[in-house]
Amino acid sequence: MNIEQFYEFCLAKKGVTEHFPFDEETLVLKVGGKMFVLTSLKQWEHGTPSINLKCDPEHALELRAAYECVQPGYHMSKVHWNTVTLNGDVSDKFLCEMISDSYDLIFKSLTKKIQHEIAELEN
């Protein structure tokens, strides 16, 4: 997966907005004002991309045990976030599933009002 594919996949989800709250190189994607994925654009440029994804704590441990490229979240809560090194041992399809899981986890944590507002948005 390249940066364009990653970016387009994430932005195709309803209500996703992009931000650079930390610096000009750390892309943060949010739904309903809450972060579900972040990545360093500099790492993509250097050919060593990784992304941080929100994850259910038990599932996070399972993924870390099953895949070498899935590690505890870098600079994040190690319980709720994983860092996934791309070009590792997960397929693009599975990476998309993990991104979708992160999005869904955050979406479900939003208030019903915000969920409804996002659901009403057109892509």
PDB file of N, CA and C in Angstrom:
ATOM      1  N   MET A   1       0.848  -1.176   0.000  1.00  0.00           N
ATOM      2  CA  MET A   1       0.000   0.000   0.000  1.00  0.00           C
ATOM      3  C   MET A   1       0.893   1.238   0.000  1.00  0.00           C
ATOM      4  N   ASN A   2       0.535   2.189  -0.833  1.00  0.00           N
ATOM      5  CA  ASN A   2       1.297   3.433  -0.837  1.00  0.00           C
ATOM      6  C   ASN A   2       0.504   4.519  -0.108  1.00  0.00           C
ATOM      7  N   ILE A   3       1.108   5.676   0.045  1.00  0.00           N
ATOM      8  CA  ILE A   3       0.492   6.746   0.832  1.00  0.00           C
ATOM      9  C   ILE A   3      -0.834   7.205   0.218  1.00  0.00           C
ATOM     10  N   GLU A   4      -0.904   7.247  -1.111  1.00  0.00           N
ATOM     11  CA  GLU A   4      -2.134   7.676  -1.765  1.00  0.00           C
ATOM     12  C   GLU A   4      -3.268   6.685  -1.498  1.00  0.00           C
ATOM     13  N   GLN A   5      -2.971   5.391  -1.597  1.00  0.00           N
ATOM     14  CA  GLN A   5      -3.983   4.368  -1.341  1.00  0.00           C
ATOM     15  C   GLN A   5      -4.455   4.440   0.112  1.00  0.00           C
ATOM     16  N   PHE A   6      -3.507   4.575   1.024  1.00  0.00           N
ATOM     17  CA  PHE A   6      -3.831   4.699   2.449  1.00  0.00           C
ATOM     18  C   PHE A   6      -4.740   5.905   2.686  1.00  0.00           C
ATOM     19  N   TYR A   7      -4.328   7.044   2.161  1.00  0.00           N
ATOM     20  CA  TYR A   7      -5.044   8.301   2.343  1.00  0.00           C
ATOM     21  C   TYR A   7      -6.459   8.220   1.767  1.00  0.00           C
ATOM     22  N   GLU A   8      -6.570   7.729   0.547  1.00  0.00           N
ATOM     23  CA  GLU A   8      -7.873   7.628  -0.112  1.00  0.00           C
ATOM     24  C   GLU A   8      -8.788   6.643   0.612  1.00  0.00           C
ATOM     25  N   PHE A   9      -8.233   5.525   1.079  1.00  0.00           N
ATOM     26  CA  PHE A   9      -9.038   4.552   1.811  1.00  0.00           C
ATOM     27  C   PHE A   9      -9.619   5.182   3.076  1.00  0.00           C
ATOM     28  N   CYS A  10      -8.778   5.879   3.815  1.00  0.00           N
ATOM     29  CA  CYS A  10      -9.227   6.498   5.068  1.00  0.00           C
ATOM     30  C   CYS A  10     -10.241   7.609   4.815  1.00  0.00           C
ATOM     31  N   LEU A  11      -9.963   8.470   3.845  1.00  0.00           N
ATOM     32  CA  LEU A  11     -10.856   9.605   3.592  1.00  0.00           C
ATOM     33  C   LEU A  11     -12.179   9.185   2.968  1.00  0.00           C
ATOM     34  N   ALA A  12     -12.261   7.979   2.428  1.00  0.00           N
ATOM     35  CA  ALA A  12     -13.513   7.494   1.856  1.00  0.00           C
ATOM     36  C   ALA A  12     -14.533   7.160   2.945  1.00  0.00           C
ATOM     37  N   LYS A  13     -14.085   7.044   4.162  1.00  0.00           N
ATOM     38  CA  LYS A  13     -14.988   6.743   5.276  1.00  0.00           C
ATOM     39  C   LYS A  13     -15.747   8.016   5.671  1.00  0.00           C
ATOM     40  N   LYS A  14     -16.987   7.837   6.041  1.00  0.00           N
ATOM     41  CA  LYS A  14     -17.841   8.995   6.358  1.00  0.00           C
ATOM     42  C   LYS A  14     -17.309   9.794   7.540  1.00  0.00           C
ATOM     43  N   GLY A  15     -17.299  11.115   7.344  1.00  0.00           N
ATOM     44  CA  GLY A  15     -16.985  12.027   8.433  1.00  0.00           C
ATOM     45  C   GLY A  15     -15.524  12.158   8.786  1.00  0.00           C
ATOM     46  N   VAL A  16     -14.624  11.609   7.963  1.00  0.00           N
ATOM     47  CA  VAL A  16     -13.192  11.660   8.286  1.00  0.00           C
ATOM     48  C   VAL A  16     -12.625  13.033   7.930  1.00  0.00           C
ATOM     49  N   THR A  17     -11.850  13.567   8.860  1.00  0.00           N
ATOM     50  CA  THR A  17     -11.157  14.839   8.646  1.00  0.00           C
ATOM     51  C   THR A  17      -9.676  14.644   8.929  1.00  0.00           C
ATOM     52  N   GLU A  18      -8.858  15.449   8.266  1.00  0.00           N
ATOM     53  CA  GLU A  18      -7.403  15.351   8.471  1.00  0.00           C
ATOM     54  C   GLU A  18      -6.908  16.539   9.263  1.00  0.00           C
ATOM     55  N   HIS A  19      -5.868  16.273  10.077  1.00  0.00           N
ATOM     56  CA  HIS A  19      -5.321  17.295  10.962  1.00  0.00           C
ATOM     57  C   HIS A  19      -3.816  17.095  11.105  1.00  0.00           C
ATOM     58  N   PHE A  20      -3.145  18.149  11.529  1.00  0.00           N
ATOM     59  CA  PHE A  20      -1.717  18.097  11.843  1.00  0.00           C
ATOM     60  C   PHE A  20      -1.511  18.774  13.195  1.00  0.00           C
ATOM     61  N   PRO A  21      -2.053  18.184  14.285  1.00  0.00           N
ATOM     62  CA  PRO A  21      -2.011  18.847  15.590  1.00  0.00           C
ATOM     63  C   PRO A  21      -0.646  18.829  16.273  1.00  0.00           C
ATOM     64  N   PHE A  22       0.225  17.904  15.889  1.00  0.00           N
ATOM     65  CA  PHE A  22       1.510  17.751  16.581  1.00  0.00           C
ATOM     66  C   PHE A  22       2.634  18.491  15.874  1.00  0.00           C
ATOM     67  N   ASP A  23       2.678  18.347  14.569  1.00  0.00           N
ATOM     68  CA  ASP A  23       3.691  18.995  13.736  1.00  0.00           C
ATOM     69  C   ASP A  23       3.236  18.875  12.291  1.00  0.00           C
ATOM     70  N   GLU A  24       4.020  19.410  11.353  1.00  0.00           N
ATOM     71  CA  GLU A  24       3.604  19.399   9.951  1.00  0.00           C
ATOM     72  C   GLU A  24       3.849  18.065   9.255  1.00  0.00           C
ATOM     73  N   GLU A  25       4.412  17.083   9.950  1.00  0.00           N
ATOM     74  CA  GLU A  25       4.674  15.790   9.313  1.00  0.00           C
ATOM     75  C   GLU A  25       3.816  14.646   9.850  1.00  0.00           C
ATOM     76  N   THR A  26       3.106  14.850  10.952  1.00  0.00           N
ATOM     77  CA  THR A  26       2.294  13.783  11.526  1.00  0.00           C
ATOM     78  C   THR A  26       0.830  13.985  11.139  1.00  0.00           C
ATOM     79  N   LEU A  27       0.380  13.169  10.191  1.00  0.00           N
ATOM     80  CA  LEU A  27      -0.995  13.224   9.717  1.00  0.00           C
ATOM     81  C   LEU A  27      -1.890  12.467  10.686  1.00  0.00           C
ATOM     82  N   VAL A  28      -2.914  13.145  11.168  1.00  0.00           N
ATOM     83  CA  VAL A  28      -3.890  12.549  12.083  1.00  0.00           C
ATOM     84  C   VAL A  28      -5.244  12.574  11.383  1.00  0.00           C
ATOM     85  N   LEU A  29      -5.894  11.417  11.338  1.00  0.00           N
ATOM     86  CA  LEU A  29      -7.225  11.333  10.756  1.00  0.00           C
ATOM     87  C   LEU A  29      -8.213  11.061  11.884  1.00  0.00           C
ATOM     88  N   LYS A  30      -9.310  11.840  11.864  1.00  0.00           N
ATOM     89  CA  LYS A  30     -10.296  11.777  12.931  1.00  0.00           C
ATOM     90  C   LYS A  30     -11.684  11.536  12.357  1.00  0.00           C
ATOM     91  N   VAL A  31     -12.535  10.969  13.194  1.00  0.00           N
ATOM     92  CA  VAL A  31     -13.968  10.894  12.918  1.00  0.00           C
ATOM     93  C   VAL A  31     -14.674  11.433  14.159  1.00  0.00           C
ATOM     94  N   GLY A  32     -15.585  12.361  13.932  1.00  0.00           N
ATOM     95  CA  GLY A  32     -16.295  12.960  15.055  1.00  0.00           C
ATOM     96  C   GLY A  32     -15.380  13.677  16.024  1.00  0.00           C
ATOM     97  N   GLY A  33     -14.256  14.162  15.525  1.00  0.00           N
ATOM     98  CA  GLY A  33     -13.299  14.883  16.366  1.00  0.00           C
ATOM     99  C   GLY A  33     -12.367  13.999  17.165  1.00  0.00           C
ATOM    100  N   LYS A  34     -12.459  12.673  16.965  1.00  0.00           N
ATOM    101  CA  LYS A  34     -11.600  11.737  17.695  1.00  0.00           C
ATOM    102  C   LYS A  34     -10.676  11.000  16.725  1.00  0.00           C
ATOM    103  N   MET A  35      -9.437  10.875  17.127  1.00  0.00           N
ATOM    104  CA  MET A  35      -8.392  10.262  16.315  1.00  0.00           C
ATOM    105  C   MET A  35      -8.612   8.748  16.172  1.00  0.00           C
ATOM    106  N   PHE A  36      -8.505   8.251  14.916  1.00  0.00           N
ATOM    107  CA  PHE A  36      -8.546   6.804  14.717  1.00  0.00           C
ATOM    108  C   PHE A  36      -7.302   6.277  14.018  1.00  0.00           C
ATOM    109  N   VAL A  37      -6.519   7.158  13.406  1.00  0.00           N
ATOM    110  CA  VAL A  37      -5.261   6.736  12.776  1.00  0.00           C
ATOM    111  C   VAL A  37      -4.324   7.936  12.703  1.00  0.00           C
ATOM    112  N   LEU A  38      -3.039   7.655  12.867  1.00  0.00           N
ATOM    113  CA  LEU A  38      -2.027   8.680  12.624  1.00  0.00           C
ATOM    114  C   LEU A  38      -0.794   8.038  12.020  1.00  0.00           C
ATOM    115  N   THR A  39      -0.064   8.851  11.256  1.00  0.00           N
ATOM    116  CA  THR A  39       1.121   8.359  10.578  1.00  0.00           C
ATOM    117  C   THR A  39       2.089   9.493  10.323  1.00  0.00           C
ATOM    118  N   SER A  40       3.355   9.160  10.218  1.00  0.00           N
ATOM    119  CA  SER A  40       4.397  10.142   9.916  1.00  0.00           C
ATOM    120  C   SER A  40       4.617  10.191   8.409  1.00  0.00           C
ATOM    121  N   LEU A  41       4.382  11.340   7.811  1.00  0.00           N
ATOM    122  CA  LEU A  41       4.606  11.485   6.375  1.00  0.00           C
ATOM    123  C   LEU A  41       6.086  11.331   6.035  1.00  0.00           C
ATOM    124  N   LYS A  42       6.948  11.736   6.951  1.00  0.00           N
ATOM    125  CA  LYS A  42       8.394  11.601   6.737  1.00  0.00           C
ATOM    126  C   LYS A  42       8.794  10.128   6.607  1.00  0.00           C
ATOM    127  N   GLN A  43       8.163   9.261   7.419  1.00  0.00           N
ATOM    128  CA  GLN A  43       8.460   7.826   7.314  1.00  0.00           C
ATOM    129  C   GLN A  43       8.050   7.280   5.954  1.00  0.00           C
ATOM    130  N   TRP A  44       6.927   7.742   5.426  1.00  0.00           N
ATOM    131  CA  TRP A  44       6.503   7.312   4.084  1.00  0.00           C
ATOM    132  C   TRP A  44       7.543   7.740   3.053  1.00  0.00           C
ATOM    133  N   GLU A  45       8.034   8.984   3.169  1.00  0.00           N
ATOM    134  CA  GLU A  45       9.039   9.506   2.231  1.00  0.00           C
ATOM    135  C   GLU A  45      10.330   8.690   2.285  1.00  0.00           C
ATOM    136  N   HIS A  46      10.672   8.205   3.481  1.00  0.00           N
ATOM    137  CA  HIS A  46      11.908   7.433   3.642  1.00  0.00           C
ATOM    138  C   HIS A  46      11.715   5.943   3.358  1.00  0.00           C
ATOM    139  N   GLY A  47      10.500   5.535   2.989  1.00  0.00           N
ATOM    140  CA  GLY A  47      10.247   4.134   2.664  1.00  0.00           C
ATOM    141  C   GLY A  47      10.082   3.219   3.869  1.00  0.00           C
ATOM    142  N   THR A  48       9.816   3.808   5.034  1.00  0.00           N
ATOM    143  CA  THR A  48       9.614   3.011   6.256  1.00  0.00           C
ATOM    144  C   THR A  48       8.289   3.387   6.918  1.00  0.00           C
ATOM    145  N   PRO A  49       7.176   3.291   6.189  1.00  0.00           N
ATOM    146  CA  PRO A  49       5.908   3.762   6.745  1.00  0.00           C
ATOM    147  C   PRO A  49       5.366   2.871   7.853  1.00  0.00           C
ATOM    148  N   SER A  50       4.702   3.527   8.789  1.00  0.00           N
ATOM    149  CA  SER A  50       3.964   2.824   9.835  1.00  0.00           C
ATOM    150  C   SER A  50       2.767   3.681  10.179  1.00  0.00           C
ATOM    151  N   ILE A  51       1.749   3.035  10.733  1.00  0.00           N
ATOM    152  CA  ILE A  51       0.551   3.761  11.150  1.00  0.00           C
ATOM    153  C   ILE A  51       0.156   3.314  12.545  1.00  0.00           C
ATOM    154  N   ASN A  52      -0.413   4.230  13.300  1.00  0.00           N
ATOM    155  CA  ASN A  52      -0.943   3.915  14.625  1.00  0.00           C
ATOM    156  C   ASN A  52      -2.451   3.785  14.498  1.00  0.00           C
ATOM    157  N   LEU A  53      -2.977   2.688  15.060  1.00  0.00           N
ATOM    158  CA  LEU A  53      -4.404   2.399  14.983  1.00  0.00           C
ATOM    159  C   LEU A  53      -4.969   2.078  16.349  1.00  0.00           C
ATOM    160  N   LYS A  54      -6.152   2.587  16.625  1.00  0.00           N
ATOM    161  CA  LYS A  54      -6.877   2.248  17.857  1.00  0.00           C
ATOM    162  C   LYS A  54      -7.330   0.800  17.742  1.00  0.00           C
ATOM    163  N   CYS A  55      -7.325   0.088  18.858  1.00  0.00           N
ATOM    164  CA  CYS A  55      -7.670  -1.328  18.821  1.00  0.00           C
ATOM    165  C   CYS A  55      -8.241  -1.759  20.172  1.00  0.00           C
ATOM    166  N   ASP A  56      -9.184  -2.691  20.137  1.00  0.00           N
ATOM    167  CA  ASP A  56      -9.676  -3.305  21.356  1.00  0.00           C
ATOM    168  C   ASP A  56      -8.480  -3.933  22.082  1.00  0.00           C
ATOM    169  N   PRO A  57      -8.336  -3.727  23.391  1.00  0.00           N
ATOM    170  CA  PRO A  57      -7.149  -4.209  24.106  1.00  0.00           C
ATOM    171  C   PRO A  57      -6.837  -5.699  23.926  1.00  0.00           C
ATOM    172  N   GLU A  58      -7.838  -6.554  24.010  1.00  0.00           N
ATOM    173  CA  GLU A  58      -7.581  -7.993  23.846  1.00  0.00           C
ATOM    174  C   GLU A  58      -7.156  -8.324  22.421  1.00  0.00           C
ATOM    175  N   HIS A  59      -7.842  -7.706  21.462  1.00  0.00           N
ATOM    176  CA  HIS A  59      -7.501  -7.945  20.058  1.00  0.00           C
ATOM    177  C   HIS A  59      -6.112  -7.396  19.743  1.00  0.00           C
ATOM    178  N   ALA A  60      -5.751  -6.281  20.368  1.00  0.00           N
ATOM    179  CA  ALA A  60      -4.421  -5.692  20.164  1.00  0.00           C
ATOM    180  C   ALA A  60      -3.338  -6.693  20.541  1.00  0.00           C
ATOM    181  N   LEU A  61      -3.517  -7.372  21.665  1.00  0.00           N
ATOM    182  CA  LEU A  61      -2.540  -8.376  22.104  1.00  0.00           C
ATOM    183  C   LEU A  61      -2.476  -9.551  21.136  1.00  0.00           C
ATOM    184  N   GLU A  62      -3.640  -9.977  20.638  1.00  0.00           N
ATOM    185  CA  GLU A  62      -3.680 -11.079  19.672  1.00  0.00           C
ATOM    186  C   GLU A  62      -2.919 -10.712  18.396  1.00  0.00           C
ATOM    187  N   LEU A  63      -3.137  -9.493  17.913  1.00  0.00           N
ATOM    188  CA  LEU A  63      -2.461  -9.054  16.689  1.00  0.00           C
ATOM    189  C   LEU A  63      -0.948  -8.971  16.892  1.00  0.00           C
ATOM    190  N   ARG A  64      -0.535  -8.477  18.049  1.00  0.00           N
ATOM    191  CA  ARG A  64       0.906  -8.382  18.341  1.00  0.00           C
ATOM    192  C   ARG A  64       1.548  -9.757  18.389  1.00  0.00           C
ATOM    193  N   ALA A  65       0.814 -10.748  18.909  1.00  0.00           N
ATOM    194  CA  ALA A  65       1.341 -12.108  18.987  1.00  0.00           C
ATOM    195  C   ALA A  65       1.393 -12.767  17.614  1.00  0.00           C
ATOM    196  N   ALA A  66       0.461 -12.419  16.746  1.00  0.00           N
ATOM    197  CA  ALA A  66       0.357 -13.078  15.441  1.00  0.00           C
ATOM    198  C   ALA A  66       1.228 -12.444  14.358  1.00  0.00           C
ATOM    199  N   TYR A  67       1.523 -11.158  14.479  1.00  0.00           N
ATOM    200  CA  TYR A  67       2.230 -10.435  13.412  1.00  0.00           C
ATOM    201  C   TYR A  67       3.423  -9.670  13.977  1.00  0.00           C
ATOM    202  N   GLU A  68       4.564  -9.908  13.408  1.00  0.00           N
ATOM    203  CA  GLU A  68       5.789  -9.220  13.838  1.00  0.00           C
ATOM    204  C   GLU A  68       5.707  -7.714  13.611  1.00  0.00           C
ATOM    205  N   CYS A  69       4.992  -7.306  12.568  1.00  0.00           N
ATOM    206  CA  CYS A  69       4.930  -5.881  12.225  1.00  0.00           C
ATOM    207  C   CYS A  69       3.918  -5.104  13.080  1.00  0.00           C
ATOM    208  N   VAL A  70       3.213  -5.777  13.960  1.00  0.00           N
ATOM    209  CA  VAL A  70       2.264  -5.106  14.852  1.00  0.00           C
ATOM    210  C   VAL A  70       2.887  -5.038  16.240  1.00  0.00           C
ATOM    211  N   GLN A  71       3.082  -3.804  16.700  1.00  0.00           N
ATOM    212  CA  GLN A  71       3.729  -3.555  17.981  1.00  0.00           C
ATOM    213  C   GLN A  71       2.858  -2.626  18.829  1.00  0.00           C
ATOM    214  N   PRO A  72       3.144  -2.530  20.131  1.00  0.00           N
ATOM    215  CA  PRO A  72       2.402  -1.566  20.962  1.00  0.00           C
ATOM    216  C   PRO A  72       2.541  -0.156  20.384  1.00  0.00           C
ATOM    217  N   GLY A  73       1.496   0.632  20.522  1.00  0.00           N
ATOM    218  CA  GLY A  73       1.454   1.964  19.925  1.00  0.00           C
ATOM    219  C   GLY A  73       2.624   2.847  20.334  1.00  0.00           C
ATOM    220  N   TYR A  74       3.332   3.357  19.346  1.00  0.00           N
ATOM    221  CA  TYR A  74       4.470   4.257  19.564  1.00  0.00           C
ATOM    222  C   TYR A  74       3.939   5.616  20.000  1.00  0.00           C
ATOM    223  N   HIS A  75       4.377   6.094  21.134  1.00  0.00           N
ATOM    224  CA  HIS A  75       3.947   7.372  21.723  1.00  0.00           C
ATOM    225  C   HIS A  75       2.446   7.413  21.984  1.00  0.00           C
ATOM    226  N   MET A  76       1.837   6.249  22.196  1.00  0.00           N
ATOM    227  CA  MET A  76       0.396   6.164  22.435  1.00  0.00           C
ATOM    228  C   MET A  76       0.167   5.228  23.616  1.00  0.00           C
ATOM    229  N   SER A  77      -1.086   5.129  24.045  1.00  0.00           N
ATOM    230  CA  SER A  77      -1.440   4.154  25.069  1.00  0.00           C
ATOM    231  C   SER A  77      -1.153   2.759  24.520  1.00  0.00           C
ATOM    232  N   LYS A  78      -0.283   2.024  25.188  1.00  0.00           N
ATOM    233  CA  LYS A  78       0.093   0.684  24.726  1.00  0.00           C
ATOM    234  C   LYS A  78      -1.071  -0.300  24.851  1.00  0.00           C
ATOM    235  N   VAL A  79      -2.061   0.032  25.657  1.00  0.00           N
ATOM    236  CA  VAL A  79      -3.214  -0.839  25.847  1.00  0.00           C
ATOM    237  C   VAL A  79      -4.176  -0.721  24.667  1.00  0.00           C
ATOM    238  N   HIS A  80      -4.401   0.492  24.186  1.00  0.00           N
ATOM    239  CA  HIS A  80      -5.449   0.752  23.205  1.00  0.00           C
ATOM    240  C   HIS A  80      -4.959   1.037  21.784  1.00  0.00           C
ATOM    241  N   TRP A  81      -3.661   1.126  21.577  1.00  0.00           N
ATOM    242  CA  TRP A  81      -3.141   1.490  20.258  1.00  0.00           C
ATOM    243  C   TRP A  81      -2.050   0.514  19.825  1.00  0.00           C
ATOM    244  N   ASN A  82      -2.052   0.225  18.530  1.00  0.00           N
ATOM    245  CA  ASN A  82      -0.989  -0.566  17.903  1.00  0.00           C
ATOM    246  C   ASN A  82      -0.296   0.277  16.856  1.00  0.00           C
ATOM    247  N   THR A  83       0.991   0.051  16.696  1.00  0.00           N
ATOM    248  CA  THR A  83       1.732   0.600  15.568  1.00  0.00           C
ATOM    249  C   THR A  83       1.960  -0.540  14.592  1.00  0.00           C
ATOM    250  N   VAL A  84       1.554  -0.321  13.346  1.00  0.00           N
ATOM    251  CA  VAL A  84       1.693  -1.337  12.305  1.00  0.00           C
ATOM    252  C   VAL A  84       2.705  -0.837  11.288  1.00  0.00           C
ATOM    253  N   THR A  85       3.799  -1.580  11.138  1.00  0.00           N
ATOM    254  CA  THR A  85       4.796  -1.251  10.137  1.00  0.00           C
ATOM    255  C   THR A  85       4.332  -1.821   8.804  1.00  0.00           C
ATOM    256  N   LEU A  86       4.203  -0.962   7.812  1.00  0.00           N
ATOM    257  CA  LEU A  86       3.758  -1.412   6.502  1.00  0.00           C
ATOM    258  C   LEU A  86       4.897  -2.111   5.773  1.00  0.00           C
ATOM    259  N   ASN A  87       4.553  -2.830   4.737  1.00  0.00           N
ATOM    260  CA  ASN A  87       5.521  -3.653   4.001  1.00  0.00           C
ATOM    261  C   ASN A  87       6.051  -4.761   4.904  1.00  0.00           C
ATOM    262  N   GLY A  88       5.291  -5.091   5.918  1.00  0.00           N
ATOM    263  CA  GLY A  88       5.653  -6.155   6.846  1.00  0.00           C
ATOM    264  C   GLY A  88       4.894  -7.411   6.502  1.00  0.00           C
ATOM    265  N   ASP A  89       4.413  -8.089   7.525  1.00  0.00           N
ATOM    266  CA  ASP A  89       3.792  -9.381   7.292  1.00  0.00           C
ATOM    267  C   ASP A  89       2.263  -9.339   7.277  1.00  0.00           C
ATOM    268  N   VAL A  90       1.661  -8.158   7.052  1.00  0.00           N
ATOM    269  CA  VAL A  90       0.216  -8.097   6.867  1.00  0.00           C
ATOM    270  C   VAL A  90      -0.088  -7.609   5.451  1.00  0.00           C
ATOM    271  N   SER A  91      -1.114  -8.183   4.863  1.00  0.00           N
ATOM    272  CA  SER A  91      -1.509  -7.809   3.501  1.00  0.00           C
ATOM    273  C   SER A  91      -2.206  -6.452   3.520  1.00  0.00           C
ATOM    274  N   ASP A  92      -2.300  -5.842   2.354  1.00  0.00           N
ATOM    275  CA  ASP A  92      -3.027  -4.578   2.245  1.00  0.00           C
ATOM    276  C   ASP A  92      -4.483  -4.764   2.642  1.00  0.00           C
ATOM    277  N   LYS A  93      -5.056  -5.894   2.260  1.00  0.00           N
ATOM    278  CA  LYS A  93      -6.460  -6.177   2.598  1.00  0.00           C
ATOM    279  C   LYS A  93      -6.638  -6.221   4.120  1.00  0.00           C
ATOM    280  N   PHE A  94      -5.733  -6.924   4.807  1.00  0.00           N
ATOM    281  CA  PHE A  94      -5.835  -7.007   6.262  1.00  0.00           C
ATOM    282  C   PHE A  94      -5.557  -5.658   6.915  1.00  0.00           C
ATOM    283  N   LEU A  95      -4.637  -4.894   6.352  1.00  0.00           N
ATOM    284  CA  LEU A  95      -4.364  -3.556   6.858  1.00  0.00           C
ATOM    285  C   LEU A  95      -5.626  -2.696   6.755  1.00  0.00           C
ATOM    286  N   CYS A  96      -6.327  -2.802   5.646  1.00  0.00           N
ATOM    287  CA  CYS A  96      -7.584  -2.058   5.488  1.00  0.00           C
ATOM    288  C   CYS A  96      -8.604  -2.502   6.534  1.00  0.00           C
ATOM    289  N   GLU A  97      -8.631  -3.786   6.843  1.00  0.00           N
ATOM    290  CA  GLU A  97      -9.540  -4.281   7.885  1.00  0.00           C
ATOM    291  C   GLU A  97      -9.179  -3.676   9.242  1.00  0.00           C
ATOM    292  N   MET A  98      -7.882  -3.581   9.539  1.00  0.00           N
ATOM    293  CA  MET A  98      -7.458  -3.001  10.820  1.00  0.00           C
ATOM    294  C   MET A  98      -7.804  -1.506  10.884  1.00  0.00           C
ATOM    295  N   ILE A  99      -7.649  -0.803   9.753  1.00  0.00           N
ATOM    296  CA  ILE A  99      -8.019   0.618   9.700  1.00  0.00           C
ATOM    297  C   ILE A  99      -9.523   0.756   9.928  1.00  0.00           C
ATOM    298  N   SER A 100     -10.299  -0.093   9.270  1.00  0.00           N
ATOM    299  CA  SER A 100     -11.757  -0.057   9.431  1.00  0.00           C
ATOM    300  C   SER A 100     -12.161  -0.374  10.865  1.00  0.00           C
ATOM    301  N   ASP A 101     -11.487  -1.327  11.481  1.00  0.00           N
ATOM    302  CA  ASP A 101     -11.773  -1.656  12.883  1.00  0.00           C
ATOM    303  C   ASP A 101     -11.509  -0.454  13.786  1.00  0.00           C
ATOM    304  N   SER A 102     -10.411   0.258  13.529  1.00  0.00           N
ATOM    305  CA  SER A 102     -10.075   1.437  14.318  1.00  0.00           C
ATOM    306  C   SER A 102     -11.152   2.510  14.143  1.00  0.00           C
ATOM    307  N   TYR A 103     -11.535   2.752  12.902  1.00  0.00           N
ATOM    308  CA  TYR A 103     -12.597   3.723  12.607  1.00  0.00           C
ATOM    309  C   TYR A 103     -13.883   3.339  13.334  1.00  0.00           C
ATOM    310  N   ASP A 104     -14.279   2.063  13.202  1.00  0.00           N
ATOM    311  CA  ASP A 104     -15.529   1.595  13.813  1.00  0.00           C
ATOM    312  C   ASP A 104     -15.492   1.725  15.334  1.00  0.00           C
ATOM    313  N   LEU A 105     -14.354   1.418  15.936  1.00  0.00           N
ATOM    314  CA  LEU A 105     -14.208   1.522  17.384  1.00  0.00           C
ATOM    315  C   LEU A 105     -14.428   2.966  17.843  1.00  0.00           C
ATOM    316  N   ILE A 106     -13.840   3.904  17.127  1.00  0.00           N
ATOM    317  CA  ILE A 106     -14.010   5.316  17.474  1.00  0.00           C
ATOM    318  C   ILE A 106     -15.431   5.769  17.180  1.00  0.00           C
ATOM    319  N   PHE A 107     -15.959   5.396  16.011  1.00  0.00           N
ATOM    320  CA  PHE A 107     -17.324   5.796  15.648  1.00  0.00           C
ATOM    321  C   PHE A 107     -18.325   5.349  16.709  1.00  0.00           C
ATOM    322  N   LYS A 108     -18.195   4.114  17.179  1.00  0.00           N
ATOM    323  CA  LYS A 108     -19.124   3.577  18.180  1.00  0.00           C
ATOM    324  C   LYS A 108     -18.994   4.284  19.521  1.00  0.00           C
ATOM    325  N   SER A 109     -17.856   4.930  19.767  1.00  0.00           N
ATOM    326  CA  SER A 109     -17.664   5.641  21.037  1.00  0.00           C
ATOM    327  C   SER A 109     -18.258   7.050  21.008  1.00  0.00           C
ATOM    328  N   LEU A 110     -18.665   7.506  19.830  1.00  0.00           N
ATOM    329  CA  LEU A 110     -19.224   8.849  19.689  1.00  0.00           C
ATOM    330  C   LEU A 110     -20.654   8.871  20.227  1.00  0.00           C
ATOM    331  N   THR A 111     -21.122  10.048  20.555  1.00  0.00           N
ATOM    332  CA  THR A 111     -22.511  10.166  20.999  1.00  0.00           C
ATOM    333  C   THR A 111     -23.442   9.781  19.853  1.00  0.00           C
ATOM    334  N   LYS A 112     -24.637   9.360  20.196  1.00  0.00           N
ATOM    335  CA  LYS A 112     -25.630   8.989  19.173  1.00  0.00           C
ATOM    336  C   LYS A 112     -25.904  10.169  18.245  1.00  0.00           C
ATOM    337  N   LYS A 113     -25.910  11.363  18.780  1.00  0.00           N
ATOM    338  CA  LYS A 113     -26.161  12.560  17.970  1.00  0.00           C
ATOM    339  C   LYS A 113     -25.070  12.718  16.904  1.00  0.00           C
ATOM    340  N   ILE A 114     -23.819  12.611  17.310  1.00  0.00           N
ATOM    341  CA  ILE A 114     -22.716  12.760  16.355  1.00  0.00           C
ATOM    342  C   ILE A 114     -22.719  11.605  15.360  1.00  0.00           C
ATOM    343  N   GLN A 115     -22.988  10.389  15.823  1.00  0.00           N
ATOM    344  CA  GLN A 115     -23.080   9.249  14.906  1.00  0.00           C
ATOM    345  C   GLN A 115     -24.137   9.507  13.835  1.00  0.00           C
ATOM    346  N   HIS A 116     -25.280  10.018  14.243  1.00  0.00           N
ATOM    347  CA  HIS A 116     -26.361  10.301  13.315  1.00  0.00           C
ATOM    348  C   HIS A 116     -25.954  11.384  12.314  1.00  0.00           C
ATOM    349  N   GLU A 117     -25.295  12.437  12.806  1.00  0.00           N
ATOM    350  CA  GLU A 117     -24.853  13.518  11.910  1.00  0.00           C
ATOM    351  C   GLU A 117     -23.874  12.981  10.865  1.00  0.00           C
ATOM    352  N   ILE A 118     -22.960  12.121  11.285  1.00  0.00           N
ATOM    353  CA  ILE A 118     -21.977  11.544  10.353  1.00  0.00           C
ATOM    354  C   ILE A 118     -22.677  10.619   9.363  1.00  0.00           C
ATOM    355  N   ALA A 119     -23.613   9.813   9.841  1.00  0.00           N
ATOM    356  CA  ALA A 119     -24.331   8.885   8.970  1.00  0.00           C
ATOM    357  C   ALA A 119     -25.123   9.624   7.887  1.00  0.00           C
ATOM    358  N   GLU A 120     -25.528  10.841   8.175  1.00  0.00           N
ATOM    359  CA  GLU A 120     -26.287  11.638   7.211  1.00  0.00           C
ATOM    360  C   GLU A 120     -25.420  12.305   6.161  1.00  0.00           C
ATOM    361  N   LEU A 121     -24.102  12.315   6.366  1.00  0.00           N
ATOM    362  CA  LEU A 121     -23.193  12.949   5.416  1.00  0.00           C
ATOM    363  C   LEU A 121     -23.164  12.176   4.099  1.00  0.00           C
ATOM    364  N   GLU A 122     -22.954  12.907   3.024  1.00  0.00           N
ATOM    365  CA  GLU A 122     -22.754  12.255   1.730  1.00  0.00           C
ATOM    366  C   GLU A 122     -21.275  12.123   1.485  1.00  0.00           C
ATOM    367  N   ASN A 123     -20.893  11.020   0.869  1.00  0.00           N
ATOM    368  CA  ASN A 123     -19.461  10.820   0.550  1.00  0.00           C
ATOM    369  C   ASN A 123     -19.093  11.598  -0.677  1.00  0.00           C
TER     370      ASN A 123
END
